[in-house]
C-alpha atoms as a PDB file:
ATOM      1  CA  MET A   1      -3.458  -9.118  -6.762  1.00  0.00           C
ATOM      2  CA  ILE A   2      -6.045  -7.784  -4.079  1.00  0.00           C
ATOM      3  CA  ILE A   3      -3.751  -5.448  -2.771  1.00  0.00           C
ATOM      4  CA  ARG A   4      -3.057  -3.986  -6.211  1.00  0.00           C
ATOM      5  CA  VAL A   5      -6.846  -3.478  -6.744  1.00  0.00           C
ATOM      6  CA  VAL A   6      -7.198  -1.511  -3.344  1.00  0.00           C
ATOM      7  CA  ILE A   7      -4.358   0.681  -4.223  1.00  0.00           C
ATOM      8  CA  GLY A   8      -5.764   1.468  -7.576  1.00  0.00           C
ATOM      9  CA  LEU A   9      -9.175   2.569  -5.838  1.00  0.00           C
ATOM     10  CA  ILE A  10      -7.198   4.333  -3.182  1.00  0.00           C
ATOM     11  CA  ILE A  11      -5.434   6.121  -6.262  1.00  0.00           C
ATOM     12  CA  ILE A  12      -8.695   6.977  -7.804  1.00  0.00           C
ATOM     13  CA  TRP A  13     -10.162   8.234  -4.456  1.00  0.00           C
ATOM     14  CA  MET A  14      -7.149  10.363  -3.879  1.00  0.00           C
ATOM     15  CA  THR A  15      -7.289  11.952  -7.363  1.00  0.00           C
ATOM     16  CA  ILE A  16     -10.681  12.829  -7.270  1.00  0.00           C
ATOM     17  CA  ALA A  17     -10.697  14.265  -3.745  1.00  0.00           C
ATOM     18  CA  SER A  18      -7.655  16.444  -4.855  1.00  0.00           C
ATOM     19  CA  LEU A  19      -9.520  17.537  -7.967  1.00  0.00           C
ATOM     20  CA  LEU A  20     -13.031  18.154  -6.916  1.00  0.00           C
ATOM     21  CA  PRO A  21     -12.383  21.336  -4.769  1.00  0.00           C
ATOM     22  CA  PHE A  22     -11.728  23.126  -8.023  1.00  0.00           C
ATOM     23  CA  PHE A  23     -15.252  22.726  -9.097  1.00  0.00           C
ATOM     24  CA  GLY A  24     -16.480  23.575  -5.500  1.00  0.00           C
ATOM     25  CA  ILE A  25     -17.318  20.158  -4.208  1.00  0.00           C
ATOM     26  CA  ASN A  26     -15.424  18.354  -1.303  1.00  0.00           C
ATOM     27  CA  PHE A  27     -16.066  14.597  -1.166  1.00  0.00           C
ATOM     28  CA  VAL A  28     -15.768  13.365   2.278  1.00  0.00           C
ATOM     29  CA  LEU A  29     -15.457   9.468   2.372  1.00  0.00           C
ATOM     30  CA  PHE A  30     -15.185   9.018   5.988  1.00  0.00           C
ATOM     31  CA  ARG A  31     -18.384  10.636   7.039  1.00  0.00           C
ATOM     32  CA  GLY A  32     -20.584   8.300   4.790  1.00  0.00           C
ATOM     33  CA  ALA A  33     -19.415   9.336   1.609  1.00  0.00           C
ATOM     34  CA  THR A  34     -20.644  12.778   1.338  1.00  0.00           C
ATOM     35  CA  VAL A  35     -20.548  15.223  -1.237  1.00  0.00           C
ATOM     36  CA  GLU A  36     -20.575  19.049   0.325  1.00  0.00           C
ATOM     37  CA  PRO A  37     -19.916  22.396  -1.368  1.00  0.00           C
ATOM     38  CA  ILE A  38     -16.769  24.043  -0.321  1.00  0.00           C
ATOM     39  CA  ILE A  39     -16.597  27.828   0.249  1.00  0.00           C
ATOM     40  CA  LEU A  40     -12.968  29.306   0.116  1.00  0.00           C
ATOM     41  CA  THR A  41     -12.238  31.792   2.807  1.00  0.00           C
ATOM     42  CA  ASP A  42      -9.162  33.486   4.038  1.00  0.00           C
ATOM     43  CA  GLU A  43      -9.113  31.183   6.778  1.00  0.00           C
ATOM     44  CA  ASN A  44      -9.641  27.820   5.305  1.00  0.00           C
ATOM     45  CA  THR A  45      -7.646  28.197   2.072  1.00  0.00           C
ATOM     46  CA  TYR A  46      -4.622  26.998   3.189  1.00  0.00           C
ATOM     47  CA  LEU A  47      -6.218  23.744   4.503  1.00  0.00           C
ATOM     48  CA  HIS A  48      -7.726  23.116   1.078  1.00  0.00           C
ATOM     49  CA  VAL A  49      -4.454  23.467  -0.630  1.00  0.00           C
ATOM     50  CA  VAL A  50      -2.532  21.312   1.848  1.00  0.00           C
ATOM     51  CA  ARG A  51      -5.289  18.768   1.548  1.00  0.00           C
ATOM     52  CA  SER A  52      -5.340  18.743  -2.206  1.00  0.00           C
ATOM     53  CA  ALA A  53      -1.455  18.517  -2.569  1.00  0.00           C
ATOM     54  CA  SER A  54      -1.364  15.548   0.090  1.00  0.00           C
ATOM     55  CA  PHE A  55      -3.850  13.521  -1.673  1.00  0.00           C
ATOM     56  CA  ALA A  56      -2.403  13.921  -5.177  1.00  0.00           C
ATOM     57  CA  SER A  57       0.966  13.100  -3.640  1.00  0.00           C
ATOM     58  CA  MET A  58      -0.322   9.809  -2.123  1.00  0.00           C
ATOM     59  CA  ALA A  59      -2.167   9.357  -5.509  1.00  0.00           C
ATOM     60  CA  LEU A  60       1.298   9.759  -7.405  1.00  0.00           C
ATOM     61  CA  PHE A  61       3.133   7.447  -5.145  1.00  0.00           C
ATOM     62  CA  GLY A  62       0.278   5.117  -5.269  1.00  0.00           C
ATOM     63  CA  ILE A  63       0.831   5.052  -9.239  1.00  0.00           C
ATOM     64  CA  ASN A  64       4.592   4.650  -8.891  1.00  0.00           C
ATOM     65  CA  TYR A  65       3.972   1.612  -6.597  1.00  0.00           C
ATOM     66  CA  LEU A  66       1.763   0.236  -8.956  1.00  0.00           C
ATOM     67  CA  ARG A  67       4.538   0.727 -11.580  1.00  0.00           C
ATOM     68  CA  ASN A  68       7.154  -1.012  -9.206  1.00  0.00           C
ATOM     69  CA  LYS A  69       8.991   2.261  -8.947  1.00  0.00           C
ATOM     70  CA  ARG A  70      10.584   3.410  -5.813  1.00  0.00           C
ATOM     71  CA  PRO A  71      11.517   6.760  -4.919  1.00  0.00           C
ATOM     72  CA  LEU A  72      15.595   6.948  -5.357  1.00  0.00           C
ATOM     73  CA  SER A  73      16.164   9.119  -2.478  1.00  0.00           C
ATOM     74  CA  ALA A  74      14.440  10.497   0.806  1.00  0.00           C
ATOM     75  CA  VAL A  75      14.124  13.847  -0.598  1.00  0.00           C
ATOM     76  CA  ALA A  76      11.708  12.441  -3.318  1.00  0.00           C
ATOM     77  CA  PRO A  77       8.693  12.509  -1.218  1.00  0.00           C
ATOM     78  CA  LEU A  78       9.436  16.250  -0.024  1.00  0.00           C
ATOM     79  CA  LEU A  79       9.892  17.314  -3.480  1.00  0.00           C
ATOM     80  CA  VAL A  80       6.491  15.840  -4.901  1.00  0.00           C
ATOM     81  CA  PHE A  81       4.716  17.239  -2.049  1.00  0.00           C
ATOM     82  CA  ALA A  82       6.362  20.737  -2.471  1.00  0.00           C
ATOM     83  CA  SER A  83       5.767  20.558  -5.989  1.00  0.00           C
ATOM     84  CA  PHE A  84       2.160  19.974  -5.560  1.00  0.00           C
ATOM     85  CA  LEU A  85       1.852  22.805  -3.172  1.00  0.00           C
ATOM     86  CA  CYS A  86       3.544  24.872  -5.957  1.00  0.00           C
ATOM     87  CA  ILE A  87       0.715  23.883  -8.359  1.00  0.00           C
ATOM     88  CA  TYR A  88      -2.386  23.681  -6.061  1.00  0.00           C
ATOM     89  CA  ALA A  89      -1.558  27.283  -4.299  1.00  0.00           C
ATOM     90  CA  PRO A  90      -1.789  29.579  -7.219  1.00  0.00           C
ATOM     91  CA  LEU A  91      -4.986  27.692  -8.435  1.00  0.00           C
ATOM     92  CA  TYR A  92      -6.788  28.076  -5.293  1.00  0.00           C
ATOM     93  CA  LEU A  93      -5.855  31.789  -5.008  1.00  0.00           C
ATOM     94  CA  PHE A  94      -7.043  32.183  -8.218  1.00  0.00           C
ATOM     95  CA  ILE A  95     -10.487  30.297  -7.505  1.00  0.00           C
ATOM     96  CA  ARG A  96     -10.747  32.360  -4.427  1.00  0.00           C
ATOM     97  CA  GLY A  97     -10.438  35.721  -6.218  1.00  0.00           C
ATOM     98  CA  THR A  98      -8.565  37.479  -3.433  1.00  0.00           C
ATOM     99  CA  SER A  99      -4.944  37.339  -2.275  1.00  0.00           C
ATOM    100  CA  TYR A 100      -2.455  38.694   0.009  1.00  0.00           C
ATOM    101  CA  TRP A 101       1.261  39.547  -0.384  1.00  0.00           C
ATOM    102  CA  TRP A 102       2.269  37.115   2.200  1.00  0.00           C
ATOM    103  CA  GLU A 103       0.536  34.011   0.271  1.00  0.00           C
ATOM    104  CA  TRP A 104       2.465  34.893  -2.802  1.00  0.00           C
ATOM    105  CA  ALA A 105       5.629  35.191  -0.634  1.00  0.00           C
ATOM    106  CA  SER A 106       5.060  31.883   0.647  1.00  0.00           C
ATOM    107  CA  PHE A 107       4.392  30.415  -2.714  1.00  0.00           C
ATOM    108  CA  ALA A 108       7.720  32.167  -3.867  1.00  0.00           C
ATOM    109  CA  PHE A 109       9.505  30.478  -0.773  1.00  0.00           C
ATOM    110  CA  MET A 110       7.690  27.006  -2.018  1.00  0.00           C
ATOM    111  CA  ALA A 111       9.192  27.436  -5.468  1.00  0.00           C
ATOM    112  CA  VAL A 112      12.567  28.132  -4.254  1.00  0.00           C
ATOM    113  CA  LEU A 113      12.342  25.189  -1.978  1.00  0.00           C
ATOM    114  CA  VAL A 114      11.360  22.989  -5.149  1.00  0.00           C
ATOM    115  CA  VAL A 115      14.311  23.893  -6.651  1.00  0.00           C
ATOM    116  CA  VAL A 116      16.738  23.228  -3.871  1.00  0.00           C
ATOM    117  CA  LEU A 117      14.934  19.965  -3.222  1.00  0.00           C
ATOM    118  CA  PHE A 118      15.110  19.191  -6.823  1.00  0.00           C
ATOM    119  CA  ARG A 119      19.056  19.713  -6.817  1.00  0.00           C
ATOM    120  CA  GLU A 120      19.407  17.595  -3.781  1.00  0.00           C
ATOM    121  CA  ASN A 121      17.340  14.714  -5.118  1.00  0.00           C
ATOM    122  CA  LYS A 122      19.330  14.638  -8.244  1.00  0.00           C
ATOM    123  CA  ALA A 123      22.648  14.669  -6.249  1.00  0.00           C
ATOM    124  CA  GLU A 124      21.665  12.284  -3.958  1.00  0.00           C
ATOM    125  CA  ALA A 125      20.284   9.989  -6.768  1.00  0.00           C
ATOM    126  CA  LYS A 126      23.860  10.255  -8.251  1.00  0.00           C
ATOM    127  CA  LYS A 127      25.608   8.873  -5.010  1.00  0.00           C
ATOM    128  CA  ILE A 128      22.978   5.795  -4.706  1.00  0.00           C
ATOM    129  CA  PHE A 129      24.033   4.498  -8.018  1.00  0.00           C
ATOM    130  CA  LEU A 130      27.640   5.519  -7.796  1.00  0.00           C
ATOM    131  CA  ASN A 131      29.281   2.001  -7.034  1.00  0.00           C
ATOM    132  CA  ASP A 132      26.570   0.150  -9.202  1.00  0.00           C
ATOM    133  CA  TRP A 133      28.680  -0.549 -12.345  1.00  0.00           C
END
């Protein structure tokens, strides 16, 4: 029971930490629970995209753990992380107000990667349950 409460608190923290940067706020738990403003620059946007996508992925897997759902394949965590990158990257670029062609090219690559990983995850899930009946 206590582990479920701890995981629930981690889920809340990860969700909040992944969404607060959209409001210009950075919540850092490990430096005495500080709240500091975020200034997006060309140099740190990638860091914030990866950080938010990582936190959102961990929160989703925490929710799945509490629901007793496990990934059907080893590709599932990669698919989830790449999907969250595809969600957070354009949002951060929009908030920052400026973007470069290579940022959109990497976003397009990530979107193609999500499609490939989705198909692989679907195929692997079929193989896992092939001989169950």
